[in-house]
Amino acid sequence: MSAQQQTVKQKPFTIFERFVYAFFFEIFGIGISTPLFAWLTNTPMLDMGVIAT
């Protein structure tokens, strides 16, 4: 069997799983962007946290 013939069957995500992934994606994004942009713009991190949310 060649690599092109192989298919991977994956069950669809439930609504709860989609919510959990989206929630942690947003938390991770805010956790990365807040300190980065606070450092780049030389503003307090709490001010950037308010902007990020």
Protein backbone atom coordinates (compact mmCIF):
# COMPACT_ATOMS: atom_id res chain seq x y z
CA MET A 1 0.00 0.00 0.00
CA SER A 2 1.48 3.35 -1.00
CA ALA A 3 1.37 6.56 0.99
CA GLN A 4 -1.30 8.01 -1.31
CA GLN A 5 -3.67 5.10 -0.72
CA GLN A 6 -3.62 5.34 3.06
CA THR A 7 -6.44 7.28 4.64
CA VAL A 8 -6.77 8.20 8.27
CA LYS A 9 -10.23 7.96 9.78
CA GLN A 10 -10.82 10.43 12.59
CA LYS A 11 -14.01 10.84 14.55
CA PRO A 12 -15.51 14.32 14.45
CA PHE A 13 -14.98 16.48 17.50
CA THR A 14 -17.86 17.02 19.87
CA ILE A 15 -19.11 20.49 20.71
CA PHE A 16 -17.46 20.23 24.12
CA GLU A 17 -14.09 19.30 22.59
CA ARG A 18 -14.31 22.21 20.15
CA PHE A 19 -15.10 24.57 23.02
CA VAL A 20 -12.14 23.30 25.07
CA TYR A 21 -9.72 23.63 22.14
CA ALA A 22 -10.97 27.13 21.32
CA PHE A 23 -10.78 28.20 24.97
CA PHE A 24 -7.18 27.05 25.40
CA PHE A 25 -6.21 28.50 22.01
CA GLU A 26 -7.44 31.92 23.16
CA ILE A 27 -5.75 31.62 26.57
CA PHE A 28 -2.48 30.63 24.90
CA GLY A 29 -2.78 33.50 22.40
CA ILE A 30 -3.40 36.08 25.11
CA GLY A 31 -0.63 34.58 27.23
CA ILE A 32 1.85 35.01 24.38
CA SER A 33 0.67 38.31 22.90
CA THR A 34 0.20 40.29 26.12
CA PRO A 35 3.83 40.15 27.35
CA LEU A 36 5.18 40.50 23.82
CA PHE A 37 3.23 43.64 22.95
CA ALA A 38 3.70 45.10 26.43
CA TRP A 39 7.45 44.78 25.92
CA LEU A 40 7.36 46.11 22.34
CA THR A 41 5.23 49.15 23.20
CA ASN A 42 6.77 49.74 26.63
CA THR A 43 3.38 49.78 28.38
CA PRO A 44 2.37 48.02 31.60
CA MET A 45 1.27 44.44 31.14
CA LEU A 46 -2.05 45.04 32.91
CA ASP A 47 -2.92 47.69 30.33
CA MET A 48 -2.06 45.28 27.53
CA GLY A 49 -4.13 42.57 29.20
CA VAL A 50 -7.16 44.83 29.10
CA ILE A 51 -6.54 45.53 25.42
CA ALA A 52 -6.09 41.83 24.63
CA THR A 53 -9.38 40.76 26.19
